PDB file of N, CA and C in Angstrom:
ATOM      1  N   MET A   1       6.775 -11.563 -15.057  1.00  0.00           N
ATOM      2  CA  MET A   1       8.164 -11.153 -14.884  1.00  0.00           C
ATOM      3  C   MET A   1       9.082 -12.229 -15.459  1.00  0.00           C
ATOM      4  N   GLY A   2      10.072 -11.808 -16.205  1.00  0.00           N
ATOM      5  CA  GLY A   2      11.021 -12.749 -16.777  1.00  0.00           C
ATOM      6  C   GLY A   2      12.195 -13.018 -15.857  1.00  0.00           C
ATOM      7  N   SER A   3      13.025 -13.927 -16.294  1.00  0.00           N
ATOM      8  CA  SER A   3      14.208 -14.275 -15.514  1.00  0.00           C
ATOM      9  C   SER A   3      15.213 -13.129 -15.539  1.00  0.00           C
ATOM     10  N   GLU A   4      16.191 -13.205 -14.647  1.00  0.00           N
ATOM     11  CA  GLU A   4      17.237 -12.188 -14.554  1.00  0.00           C
ATOM     12  C   GLU A   4      18.586 -12.857 -14.334  1.00  0.00           C
ATOM     13  N   ILE A   5      19.590 -12.350 -15.037  1.00  0.00           N
ATOM     14  CA  ILE A   5      20.963 -12.809 -14.835  1.00  0.00           C
ATOM     15  C   ILE A   5      21.579 -11.951 -13.739  1.00  0.00           C
ATOM     16  N   VAL A   6      22.302 -12.581 -12.840  1.00  0.00           N
ATOM     17  CA  VAL A   6      22.950 -11.859 -11.741  1.00  0.00           C
ATOM     18  C   VAL A   6      24.427 -12.243 -11.680  1.00  0.00           C
ATOM     19  N   THR A   7      25.244 -11.293 -11.293  1.00  0.00           N
ATOM     20  CA  THR A   7      26.649 -11.584 -10.995  1.00  0.00           C
ATOM     21  C   THR A   7      26.834 -11.413  -9.498  1.00  0.00           C
ATOM     22  N   ALA A   8      27.400 -12.419  -8.878  1.00  0.00           N
ATOM     23  CA  ALA A   8      27.713 -12.370  -7.454  1.00  0.00           C
ATOM     24  C   ALA A   8      29.235 -12.381  -7.339  1.00  0.00           C
ATOM     25  N   ILE A   9      29.780 -11.456  -6.568  1.00  0.00           N
ATOM     26  CA  ILE A   9      31.227 -11.272  -6.468  1.00  0.00           C
ATOM     27  C   ILE A   9      31.629 -11.540  -5.017  1.00  0.00           C
ATOM     28  N   TYR A  10      32.540 -12.485  -4.820  1.00  0.00           N
ATOM     29  CA  TYR A  10      32.962 -12.885  -3.474  1.00  0.00           C
ATOM     30  C   TYR A  10      34.483 -12.814  -3.357  1.00  0.00           C
ATOM     31  N   ARG A  11      34.977 -12.151  -2.321  1.00  0.00           N
ATOM     32  CA  ARG A  11      36.408 -12.156  -2.032  1.00  0.00           C
ATOM     33  C   ARG A  11      36.605 -12.879  -0.703  1.00  0.00           C
ATOM     34  N   ALA A  12      37.332 -13.976  -0.747  1.00  0.00           N
ATOM     35  CA  ALA A  12      37.547 -14.779   0.458  1.00  0.00           C
ATOM     36  C   ALA A  12      38.324 -13.999   1.508  1.00  0.00           C
ATOM     37  N   LYS A  13      37.926 -14.186   2.746  1.00  0.00           N
ATOM     38  CA  LYS A  13      38.710 -13.653   3.855  1.00  0.00           C
ATOM     39  C   LYS A  13      39.961 -14.516   3.972  1.00  0.00           C
ATOM     40  N   PRO A  14      41.061 -13.956   4.454  1.00  0.00           N
ATOM     41  CA  PRO A  14      42.322 -14.707   4.496  1.00  0.00           C
ATOM     42  C   PRO A  14      42.164 -16.088   5.129  1.00  0.00           C
ATOM     43  N   GLY A  15      42.695 -17.091   4.433  1.00  0.00           N
ATOM     44  CA  GLY A  15      42.653 -18.459   4.922  1.00  0.00           C
ATOM     45  C   GLY A  15      41.375 -19.216   4.609  1.00  0.00           C
ATOM     46  N   HIS A  16      40.416 -18.595   3.941  1.00  0.00           N
ATOM     47  CA  HIS A  16      39.121 -19.226   3.677  1.00  0.00           C
ATOM     48  C   HIS A  16      38.848 -19.456   2.191  1.00  0.00           C
ATOM     49  N   GLU A  17      39.880 -19.408   1.382  1.00  0.00           N
ATOM     50  CA  GLU A  17      39.712 -19.546  -0.056  1.00  0.00           C
ATOM     51  C   GLU A  17      39.065 -20.871  -0.444  1.00  0.00           C
ATOM     52  N   ASP A  18      39.527 -21.967   0.120  1.00  0.00           N
ATOM     53  CA  ASP A  18      38.975 -23.280  -0.227  1.00  0.00           C
ATOM     54  C   ASP A  18      37.536 -23.436   0.256  1.00  0.00           C
ATOM     55  N   THR A  19      37.246 -22.949   1.452  1.00  0.00           N
ATOM     56  CA  THR A  19      35.887 -23.024   1.979  1.00  0.00           C
ATOM     57  C   THR A  19      34.933 -22.224   1.097  1.00  0.00           C
ATOM     58  N   LEU A  20      35.341 -21.029   0.702  1.00  0.00           N
ATOM     59  CA  LEU A  20      34.499 -20.219  -0.164  1.00  0.00           C
ATOM     60  C   LEU A  20      34.259 -20.914  -1.498  1.00  0.00           C
ATOM     61  N   ALA A  21      35.304 -21.442  -2.110  1.00  0.00           N
ATOM     62  CA  ALA A  21      35.146 -22.124  -3.402  1.00  0.00           C
ATOM     63  C   ALA A  21      34.156 -23.278  -3.284  1.00  0.00           C
ATOM     64  N   ALA A  22      34.208 -24.025  -2.184  1.00  0.00           N
ATOM     65  CA  ALA A  22      33.283 -25.144  -1.986  1.00  0.00           C
ATOM     66  C   ALA A  22      31.851 -24.640  -1.829  1.00  0.00           C
ATOM     67  N   LEU A  23      31.657 -23.565  -1.084  1.00  0.00           N
ATOM     68  CA  LEU A  23      30.306 -23.013  -0.904  1.00  0.00           C
ATOM     69  C   LEU A  23      29.744 -22.479  -2.215  1.00  0.00           C
ATOM     70  N   VAL A  24      30.571 -21.795  -2.985  1.00  0.00           N
ATOM     71  CA  VAL A  24      30.104 -21.266  -4.269  1.00  0.00           C
ATOM     72  C   VAL A  24      29.709 -22.415  -5.197  1.00  0.00           C
ATOM     73  N   ALA A  25      30.457 -23.511  -5.158  1.00  0.00           N
ATOM     74  CA  ALA A  25      30.123 -24.671  -5.997  1.00  0.00           C
ATOM     75  C   ALA A  25      28.748 -25.239  -5.643  1.00  0.00           C
ATOM     76  N   GLU A  26      28.317 -25.092  -4.403  1.00  0.00           N
ATOM     77  CA  GLU A  26      27.009 -25.584  -3.953  1.00  0.00           C
ATOM     78  C   GLU A  26      25.886 -24.565  -4.139  1.00  0.00           C
ATOM     79  N   HIS A  27      26.243 -23.295  -4.282  1.00  0.00           N
ATOM     80  CA  HIS A  27      25.269 -22.210  -4.218  1.00  0.00           C
ATOM     81  C   HIS A  27      24.187 -22.289  -5.299  1.00  0.00           C
ATOM     82  N   THR A  28      24.571 -22.189  -6.564  1.00  0.00           N
ATOM     83  CA  THR A  28      23.559 -22.210  -7.620  1.00  0.00           C
ATOM     84  C   THR A  28      22.794 -23.527  -7.660  1.00  0.00           C
ATOM     85  N   PRO A  29      23.458 -24.686  -7.522  1.00  0.00           N
ATOM     86  CA  PRO A  29      22.667 -25.920  -7.491  1.00  0.00           C
ATOM     87  C   PRO A  29      21.602 -25.928  -6.397  1.00  0.00           C
ATOM     88  N   MET A  30      21.908 -25.344  -5.240  1.00  0.00           N
ATOM     89  CA  MET A  30      20.914 -25.272  -4.174  1.00  0.00           C
ATOM     90  C   MET A  30      19.776 -24.336  -4.575  1.00  0.00           C
ATOM     91  N   LEU A  31      20.106 -23.181  -5.172  1.00  0.00           N
ATOM     92  CA  LEU A  31      19.060 -22.261  -5.627  1.00  0.00           C
ATOM     93  C   LEU A  31      18.183 -22.917  -6.688  1.00  0.00           C
ATOM     94  N   GLN A  32      18.775 -23.707  -7.545  1.00  0.00           N
ATOM     95  CA  GLN A  32      18.009 -24.423  -8.572  1.00  0.00           C
ATOM     96  C   GLN A  32      17.097 -25.461  -7.925  1.00  0.00           C
ATOM     97  N   ARG A  33      17.628 -26.191  -6.957  1.00  0.00           N
ATOM     98  CA  ARG A  33      16.856 -27.252  -6.302  1.00  0.00           C
ATOM     99  C   ARG A  33      15.617 -26.701  -5.601  1.00  0.00           C
ATOM    100  N   VAL A  34      15.729 -25.478  -5.042  1.00  0.00           N
ATOM    101  CA  VAL A  34      14.590 -24.911  -4.318  1.00  0.00           C
ATOM    102  C   VAL A  34      13.721 -24.020  -5.209  1.00  0.00           C
ATOM    103  N   GLY A  35      14.014 -24.010  -6.507  1.00  0.00           N
ATOM    104  CA  GLY A  35      13.160 -23.329  -7.464  1.00  0.00           C
ATOM    105  C   GLY A  35      13.384 -21.835  -7.617  1.00  0.00           C
ATOM    106  N   LEU A  36      14.522 -21.327  -7.164  1.00  0.00           N
ATOM    107  CA  LEU A  36      14.784 -19.897  -7.262  1.00  0.00           C
ATOM    108  C   LEU A  36      15.680 -19.525  -8.438  1.00  0.00           C
ATOM    109  N   ALA A  37      16.495 -20.454  -8.907  1.00  0.00           N
ATOM    110  CA  ALA A  37      17.353 -20.221 -10.068  1.00  0.00           C
ATOM    111  C   ALA A  37      16.932 -21.159 -11.188  1.00  0.00           C
ATOM    112  N   THR A  38      17.139 -20.710 -12.414  1.00  0.00           N
ATOM    113  CA  THR A  38      16.791 -21.542 -13.572  1.00  0.00           C
ATOM    114  C   THR A  38      17.797 -22.681 -13.712  1.00  0.00           C
ATOM    115  N   ASP A  39      17.523 -23.563 -14.646  1.00  0.00           N
ATOM    116  CA  ASP A  39      18.425 -24.687 -14.903  1.00  0.00           C
ATOM    117  C   ASP A  39      19.651 -24.297 -15.715  1.00  0.00           C
ATOM    118  N   ARG A  40      19.744 -23.047 -16.128  1.00  0.00           N
ATOM    119  CA  ARG A  40      20.924 -22.585 -16.860  1.00  0.00           C
ATOM    120  C   ARG A  40      22.173 -22.841 -16.015  1.00  0.00           C
ATOM    121  N   ALA A  41      23.180 -23.443 -16.597  1.00  0.00           N
ATOM    122  CA  ALA A  41      24.422 -23.726 -15.870  1.00  0.00           C
ATOM    123  C   ALA A  41      25.091 -22.415 -15.460  1.00  0.00           C
ATOM    124  N   PRO A  42      25.518 -22.317 -14.206  1.00  0.00           N
ATOM    125  CA  PRO A  42      26.208 -21.104 -13.783  1.00  0.00           C
ATOM    126  C   PRO A  42      27.605 -21.037 -14.396  1.00  0.00           C
ATOM    127  N   ILE A  43      28.125 -19.843 -14.472  1.00  0.00           N
ATOM    128  CA  ILE A  43      29.529 -19.639 -14.826  1.00  0.00           C
ATOM    129  C   ILE A  43      30.216 -19.172 -13.556  1.00  0.00           C
ATOM    130  N   VAL A  44      31.253 -19.891 -13.162  1.00  0.00           N
ATOM    131  CA  VAL A  44      31.997 -19.540 -11.957  1.00  0.00           C
ATOM    132  C   VAL A  44      33.451 -19.370 -12.360  1.00  0.00           C
ATOM    133  N   MET A  45      34.029 -18.251 -11.957  1.00  0.00           N
ATOM    134  CA  MET A  45      35.396 -17.935 -12.367  1.00  0.00           C
ATOM    135  C   MET A  45      36.115 -17.190 -11.251  1.00  0.00           C
ATOM    136  N   ARG A  46      37.451 -17.171 -11.368  1.00  0.00           N
ATOM    137  CA  ARG A  46      38.278 -16.532 -10.345  1.00  0.00           C
ATOM    138  C   ARG A  46      39.179 -15.490 -10.998  1.00  0.00           C
ATOM    139  N   SER A  47      39.317 -14.362 -10.329  1.00  0.00           N
ATOM    140  CA  SER A  47      40.234 -13.330 -10.785  1.00  0.00           C
ATOM    141  C   SER A  47      41.663 -13.854 -10.699  1.00  0.00           C
ATOM    142  N   ARG A  48      42.410 -13.683 -11.765  1.00  0.00           N
ATOM    143  CA  ARG A  48      43.825 -14.073 -11.751  1.00  0.00           C
ATOM    144  C   ARG A  48      44.665 -13.041 -11.015  1.00  0.00           C
ATOM    145  N   VAL A  49      44.096 -11.878 -10.749  1.00  0.00           N
ATOM    146  CA  VAL A  49      44.825 -10.809 -10.076  1.00  0.00           C
ATOM    147  C   VAL A  49      44.774 -10.975  -8.555  1.00  0.00           C
ATOM    148  N   ASP A  50      43.557 -11.160  -8.010  1.00  0.00           N
ATOM    149  CA  ASP A  50      43.444 -11.196  -6.552  1.00  0.00           C
ATOM    150  C   ASP A  50      42.628 -12.376  -6.006  1.00  0.00           C
ATOM    151  N   GLY A  51      42.200 -13.304  -6.866  1.00  0.00           N
ATOM    152  CA  GLY A  51      41.500 -14.492  -6.411  1.00  0.00           C
ATOM    153  C   GLY A  51      40.012 -14.324  -6.146  1.00  0.00           C
ATOM    154  N   THR A  52      39.470 -13.138  -6.386  1.00  0.00           N
ATOM    155  CA  THR A  52      38.040 -12.921  -6.199  1.00  0.00           C
ATOM    156  C   THR A  52      37.248 -13.880  -7.089  1.00  0.00           C
ATOM    157  N   ILE A  53      36.180 -14.445  -6.539  1.00  0.00           N
ATOM    158  CA  ILE A  53      35.337 -15.374  -7.295  1.00  0.00           C
ATOM    159  C   ILE A  53      34.107 -14.639  -7.817  1.00  0.00           C
ATOM    160  N   VAL A  54      33.806 -14.880  -9.091  1.00  0.00           N
ATOM    161  CA  VAL A  54      32.626 -14.313  -9.740  1.00  0.00           C
ATOM    162  C   VAL A  54      31.703 -15.471 -10.111  1.00  0.00           C
ATOM    163  N   GLU A  55      30.458 -15.388  -9.689  1.00  0.00           N
ATOM    164  CA  GLU A  55      29.454 -16.404 -10.005  1.00  0.00           C
ATOM    165  C   GLU A  55      28.343 -15.717 -10.807  1.00  0.00           C
ATOM    166  N   VAL A  56      28.028 -16.265 -11.966  1.00  0.00           N
ATOM    167  CA  VAL A  56      26.975 -15.723 -12.819  1.00  0.00           C
ATOM    168  C   VAL A  56      25.890 -16.795 -12.932  1.00  0.00           C
ATOM    169  N   PHE A  57      24.680 -16.437 -12.523  1.00  0.00           N
ATOM    170  CA  PHE A  57      23.576 -17.395 -12.598  1.00  0.00           C
ATOM    171  C   PHE A  57      22.297 -16.651 -12.939  1.00  0.00           C
ATOM    172  N   GLU A  58      21.200 -17.396 -13.079  1.00  0.00           N
ATOM    173  CA  GLU A  58      19.942 -16.807 -13.521  1.00  0.00           C
ATOM    174  C   GLU A  58      18.826 -17.067 -12.503  1.00  0.00           C
ATOM    175  N   TRP A  59      18.282 -15.976 -11.952  1.00  0.00           N
ATOM    176  CA  TRP A  59      17.094 -16.094 -11.113  1.00  0.00           C
ATOM    177  C   TRP A  59      15.906 -16.473 -11.995  1.00  0.00           C
ATOM    178  N   VAL A  60      14.925 -17.206 -11.452  1.00  0.00           N
ATOM    179  CA  VAL A  60      13.754 -17.600 -12.238  1.00  0.00           C
ATOM    180  C   VAL A  60      12.881 -16.403 -12.606  1.00  0.00           C
ATOM    181  N   ASP A  61      12.893 -15.358 -11.780  1.00  0.00           N
ATOM    182  CA  ASP A  61      12.131 -14.148 -12.072  1.00  0.00           C
ATOM    183  C   ASP A  61      12.699 -12.999 -11.249  1.00  0.00           C
ATOM    184  N   ALA A  62      12.164 -11.806 -11.476  1.00  0.00           N
ATOM    185  CA  ALA A  62      12.680 -10.608 -10.820  1.00  0.00           C
ATOM    186  C   ALA A  62      12.458 -10.608  -9.310  1.00  0.00           C
ATOM    187  N   ASP A  63      11.562 -11.432  -8.807  1.00  0.00           N
ATOM    188  CA  ASP A  63      11.246 -11.482  -7.377  1.00  0.00           C
ATOM    189  C   ASP A  63      12.018 -12.583  -6.638  1.00  0.00           C
ATOM    190  N   ALA A  64      12.745 -13.407  -7.363  1.00  0.00           N
ATOM    191  CA  ALA A  64      13.406 -14.561  -6.746  1.00  0.00           C
ATOM    192  C   ALA A  64      14.436 -14.159  -5.695  1.00  0.00           C
ATOM    193  N   ALA A  65      15.179 -13.098  -5.929  1.00  0.00           N
ATOM    194  CA  ALA A  65      16.179 -12.670  -4.944  1.00  0.00           C
ATOM    195  C   ALA A  65      15.517 -12.304  -3.619  1.00  0.00           C
ATOM    196  N   ARG A  66      14.376 -11.618  -3.694  1.00  0.00           N
ATOM    197  CA  ARG A  66      13.660 -11.279  -2.460  1.00  0.00           C
ATOM    198  C   ARG A  66      13.185 -12.536  -1.752  1.00  0.00           C
ATOM    199  N   ARG A  67      12.623 -13.480  -2.527  1.00  0.00           N
ATOM    200  CA  ARG A  67      12.147 -14.726  -1.921  1.00  0.00           C
ATOM    201  C   ARG A  67      13.299 -15.521  -1.323  1.00  0.00           C
ATOM    202  N   ALA A  68      14.463 -15.428  -1.931  1.00  0.00           N
ATOM    203  CA  ALA A  68      15.625 -16.154  -1.414  1.00  0.00           C
ATOM    204  C   ALA A  68      15.954 -15.724   0.013  1.00  0.00           C
ATOM    205  N   HIS A  69      15.784 -14.446   0.300  1.00  0.00           N
ATOM    206  CA  HIS A  69      16.073 -13.945   1.653  1.00  0.00           C
ATOM    207  C   HIS A  69      15.145 -14.552   2.698  1.00  0.00           C
ATOM    208  N   GLU A  70      14.004 -15.046   2.262  1.00  0.00           N
ATOM    209  CA  GLU A  70      13.026 -15.626   3.187  1.00  0.00           C
ATOM    210  C   GLU A  70      13.086 -17.151   3.226  1.00  0.00           C
ATOM    211  N   HIS A  71      13.909 -17.748   2.370  1.00  0.00           N
ATOM    212  CA  HIS A  71      13.929 -19.207   2.244  1.00  0.00           C
ATOM    213  C   HIS A  71      14.763 -19.845   3.357  1.00  0.00           C
ATOM    214  N   ALA A  72      14.255 -20.926   3.920  1.00  0.00           N
ATOM    215  CA  ALA A  72      14.896 -21.593   5.058  1.00  0.00           C
ATOM    216  C   ALA A  72      16.281 -22.163   4.736  1.00  0.00           C
ATOM    217  N   GLU A  73      16.566 -22.525   3.498  1.00  0.00           N
ATOM    218  CA  GLU A  73      17.883 -23.071   3.144  1.00  0.00           C
ATOM    219  C   GLU A  73      18.855 -21.996   2.667  1.00  0.00           C
ATOM    220  N   VAL A  74      18.338 -20.990   2.011  1.00  0.00           N
ATOM    221  CA  VAL A  74      19.207 -19.981   1.405  1.00  0.00           C
ATOM    222  C   VAL A  74      19.861 -19.106   2.473  1.00  0.00           C
ATOM    223  N   GLY A  75      19.081 -18.625   3.418  1.00  0.00           N
ATOM    224  CA  GLY A  75      19.624 -17.753   4.464  1.00  0.00           C
ATOM    225  C   GLY A  75      20.832 -18.342   5.175  1.00  0.00           C
ATOM    226  N   PRO A  76      20.733 -19.582   5.653  1.00  0.00           N
ATOM    227  CA  PRO A  76      21.893 -20.175   6.317  1.00  0.00           C
ATOM    228  C   PRO A  76      23.121 -20.301   5.401  1.00  0.00           C
ATOM    229  N   MET A  77      22.897 -20.630   4.123  1.00  0.00           N
ATOM    230  CA  MET A  77      24.042 -20.718   3.213  1.00  0.00           C
ATOM    231  C   MET A  77      24.689 -19.350   3.041  1.00  0.00           C
ATOM    232  N   TRP A  78      23.875 -18.329   2.837  1.00  0.00           N
ATOM    233  CA  TRP A  78      24.429 -16.984   2.693  1.00  0.00           C
ATOM    234  C   TRP A  78      25.153 -16.566   3.969  1.00  0.00           C
ATOM    235  N   GLY A  79      24.667 -16.999   5.124  1.00  0.00           N
ATOM    236  CA  GLY A  79      25.359 -16.717   6.384  1.00  0.00           C
ATOM    237  C   GLY A  79      26.726 -17.371   6.434  1.00  0.00           C
ATOM    238  N   ARG A  80      26.803 -18.630   5.989  1.00  0.00           N
ATOM    239  CA  ARG A  80      28.104 -19.322   5.945  1.00  0.00           C
ATOM    240  C   ARG A  80      29.049 -18.614   4.975  1.00  0.00           C
ATOM    241  N   MET A  81      28.511 -18.168   3.856  1.00  0.00           N
ATOM    242  CA  MET A  81      29.331 -17.454   2.873  1.00  0.00           C
ATOM    243  C   MET A  81      29.846 -16.135   3.457  1.00  0.00           C
ATOM    244  N   ALA A  82      28.996 -15.428   4.179  1.00  0.00           N
ATOM    245  CA  ALA A  82      29.384 -14.135   4.757  1.00  0.00           C
ATOM    246  C   ALA A  82      30.482 -14.284   5.805  1.00  0.00           C
ATOM    247  N   LYS A  83      30.562 -15.442   6.457  1.00  0.00           N
ATOM    248  CA  LYS A  83      31.612 -15.667   7.446  1.00  0.00           C
ATOM    249  C   LYS A  83      32.986 -15.839   6.810  1.00  0.00           C
ATOM    250  N   VAL A  84      33.025 -16.277   5.554  1.00  0.00           N
ATOM    251  CA  VAL A  84      34.312 -16.569   4.912  1.00  0.00           C
ATOM    252  C   VAL A  84      34.635 -15.637   3.747  1.00  0.00           C
ATOM    253  N   ALA A  85      33.723 -14.709   3.427  1.00  0.00           N
ATOM    254  CA  ALA A  85      33.952 -13.837   2.267  1.00  0.00           C
ATOM    255  C   ALA A  85      33.286 -12.486   2.456  1.00  0.00           C
ATOM    256  N   ASP A  86      33.793 -11.530   1.699  1.00  0.00           N
ATOM    257  CA  ASP A  86      33.141 -10.235   1.570  1.00  0.00           C
ATOM    258  C   ASP A  86      32.406 -10.245   0.240  1.00  0.00           C
ATOM    259  N   PHE A  87      31.230  -9.635   0.196  1.00  0.00           N
ATOM    260  CA  PHE A  87      30.447  -9.539  -1.029  1.00  0.00           C
ATOM    261  C   PHE A  87      30.775  -8.198  -1.675  1.00  0.00           C
ATOM    262  N   LEU A  88      31.203  -8.240  -2.920  1.00  0.00           N
ATOM    263  CA  LEU A  88      31.695  -7.056  -3.609  1.00  0.00           C
ATOM    264  C   LEU A  88      30.826  -6.699  -4.807  1.00  0.00           C
ATOM    265  N   THR A  89      31.226  -5.646  -5.506  1.00  0.00           N
ATOM    266  CA  THR A  89      30.547  -5.227  -6.729  1.00  0.00           C
ATOM    267  C   THR A  89      31.461  -5.490  -7.924  1.00  0.00           C
ATOM    268  N   LEU A  90      30.877  -5.422  -9.110  1.00  0.00           N
ATOM    269  CA  LEU A  90      31.689  -5.566 -10.321  1.00  0.00           C
ATOM    270  C   LEU A  90      32.807  -4.531 -10.343  1.00  0.00           C
ATOM    271  N   ALA A  91      32.540  -3.332  -9.872  1.00  0.00           N
ATOM    272  CA  ALA A  91      33.545  -2.268  -9.874  1.00  0.00           C
ATOM    273  C   ALA A  91      34.739  -2.594  -8.983  1.00  0.00           C
ATOM    274  N   ASP A  92      34.569  -3.503  -8.018  1.00  0.00           N
ATOM    275  CA  ASP A  92      35.670  -3.885  -7.130  1.00  0.00           C
ATOM    276  C   ASP A  92      36.665  -4.837  -7.785  1.00  0.00           C
ATOM    277  N   LEU A  93      36.291  -5.416  -8.912  1.00  0.00           N
ATOM    278  CA  LEU A  93      37.192  -6.356  -9.588  1.00  0.00           C
ATOM    279  C   LEU A  93      38.331  -5.609 -10.267  1.00  0.00           C
ATOM    280  N   PRO A  94      39.574  -6.047 -10.085  1.00  0.00           N
ATOM    281  CA  PRO A  94      40.680  -5.417 -10.802  1.00  0.00           C
ATOM    282  C   PRO A  94      40.459  -5.456 -12.319  1.00  0.00           C
ATOM    283  N   GLU A  95      39.806  -6.489 -12.792  1.00  0.00           N
ATOM    284  CA  GLU A  95      39.547  -6.645 -14.231  1.00  0.00           C
ATOM    285  C   GLU A  95      38.531  -5.642 -14.768  1.00  0.00           C
ATOM    286  N   ALA A  96      37.815  -4.966 -13.889  1.00  0.00           N
ATOM    287  CA  ALA A  96      36.752  -4.059 -14.319  1.00  0.00           C
ATOM    288  C   ALA A  96      37.271  -2.863 -15.109  1.00  0.00           C
ATOM    289  N   VAL A  97      38.555  -2.596 -15.043  1.00  0.00           N
ATOM    290  CA  VAL A  97      39.109  -1.427 -15.741  1.00  0.00           C
ATOM    291  C   VAL A  97      39.653  -1.767 -17.123  1.00  0.00           C
ATOM    292  N   THR A  98      39.537  -3.032 -17.515  1.00  0.00           N
ATOM    293  CA  THR A  98      40.061  -3.415 -18.822  1.00  0.00           C
ATOM    294  C   THR A  98      38.950  -4.016 -19.676  1.00  0.00           C
ATOM    295  N   PRO A  99      38.975  -3.737 -20.970  1.00  0.00           N
ATOM    296  CA  PRO A  99      38.013  -4.411 -21.836  1.00  0.00           C
ATOM    297  C   PRO A  99      38.406  -5.878 -21.981  1.00  0.00           C
ATOM    298  N   PHE A 100      37.443  -6.723 -22.210  1.00  0.00           N
ATOM    299  CA  PHE A 100      37.689  -8.148 -22.429  1.00  0.00           C
ATOM    300  C   PHE A 100      38.455  -8.775 -21.257  1.00  0.00           C
ATOM    301  N   ALA A 101      37.905  -8.603 -20.072  1.00  0.00           N
ATOM    302  CA  ALA A 101      38.528  -9.143 -18.869  1.00  0.00           C
ATOM    303  C   ALA A 101      38.622 -10.671 -18.940  1.00  0.00           C
ATOM    304  N   HIS A 102      39.719 -11.210 -18.480  1.00  0.00           N
ATOM    305  CA  HIS A 102      39.947 -12.653 -18.497  1.00  0.00           C
ATOM    306  C   HIS A 102      39.976 -13.185 -17.064  1.00  0.00           C
ATOM    307  N   PHE A 103      39.388 -14.382 -16.887  1.00  0.00           N
ATOM    308  CA  PHE A 103      39.314 -15.011 -15.578  1.00  0.00           C
ATOM    309  C   PHE A 103      39.685 -16.481 -15.701  1.00  0.00           C
ATOM    310  N   GLU A 104      40.051 -17.076 -14.569  1.00  0.00           N
ATOM    311  CA  GLU A 104      40.307 -18.522 -14.504  1.00  0.00           C
ATOM    312  C   GLU A 104      38.974 -19.234 -14.273  1.00  0.00           C
ATOM    313  N   PRO A 105      38.613 -20.204 -15.129  1.00  0.00           N
ATOM    314  CA  PRO A 105      37.348 -20.927 -14.903  1.00  0.00           C
ATOM    315  C   PRO A 105      37.455 -21.836 -13.676  1.00  0.00           C
ATOM    316  N   LEU A 106      36.372 -21.920 -12.922  1.00  0.00           N
ATOM    317  CA  LEU A 106      36.291 -22.848 -11.790  1.00  0.00           C
ATOM    318  C   LEU A 106      35.215 -23.873 -12.099  1.00  0.00           C
ATOM    319  N   PRO A 107      35.369 -25.072 -11.556  1.00  0.00           N
ATOM    320  CA  PRO A 107      34.349 -26.109 -11.818  1.00  0.00           C
ATOM    321  C   PRO A 107      33.011 -25.760 -11.169  1.00  0.00           C
TER     322      PRO A 107
END
């Protein structure tokens, strides 16, 4: 099985924008450290319309997402993320209705 690119879409709950941004900054590096994501640098960006954060990263293989649900470090991080954000789909992005969508880059 080859690697897979994934887009993760997070909309911060009111008042949790900074906490979410900090967690997203840690997310892919943690997945890489535990061997679930490749060394490819993630792309993290924010919607200029509503502040939704989009994270694009690469799983090491098609089974990595399933294994992540069982990993002792990943589950707690995803739990912290769920407390401060809603997980959305690409279709939920305001930019999804326009070609060549533009976003603000995040570190």
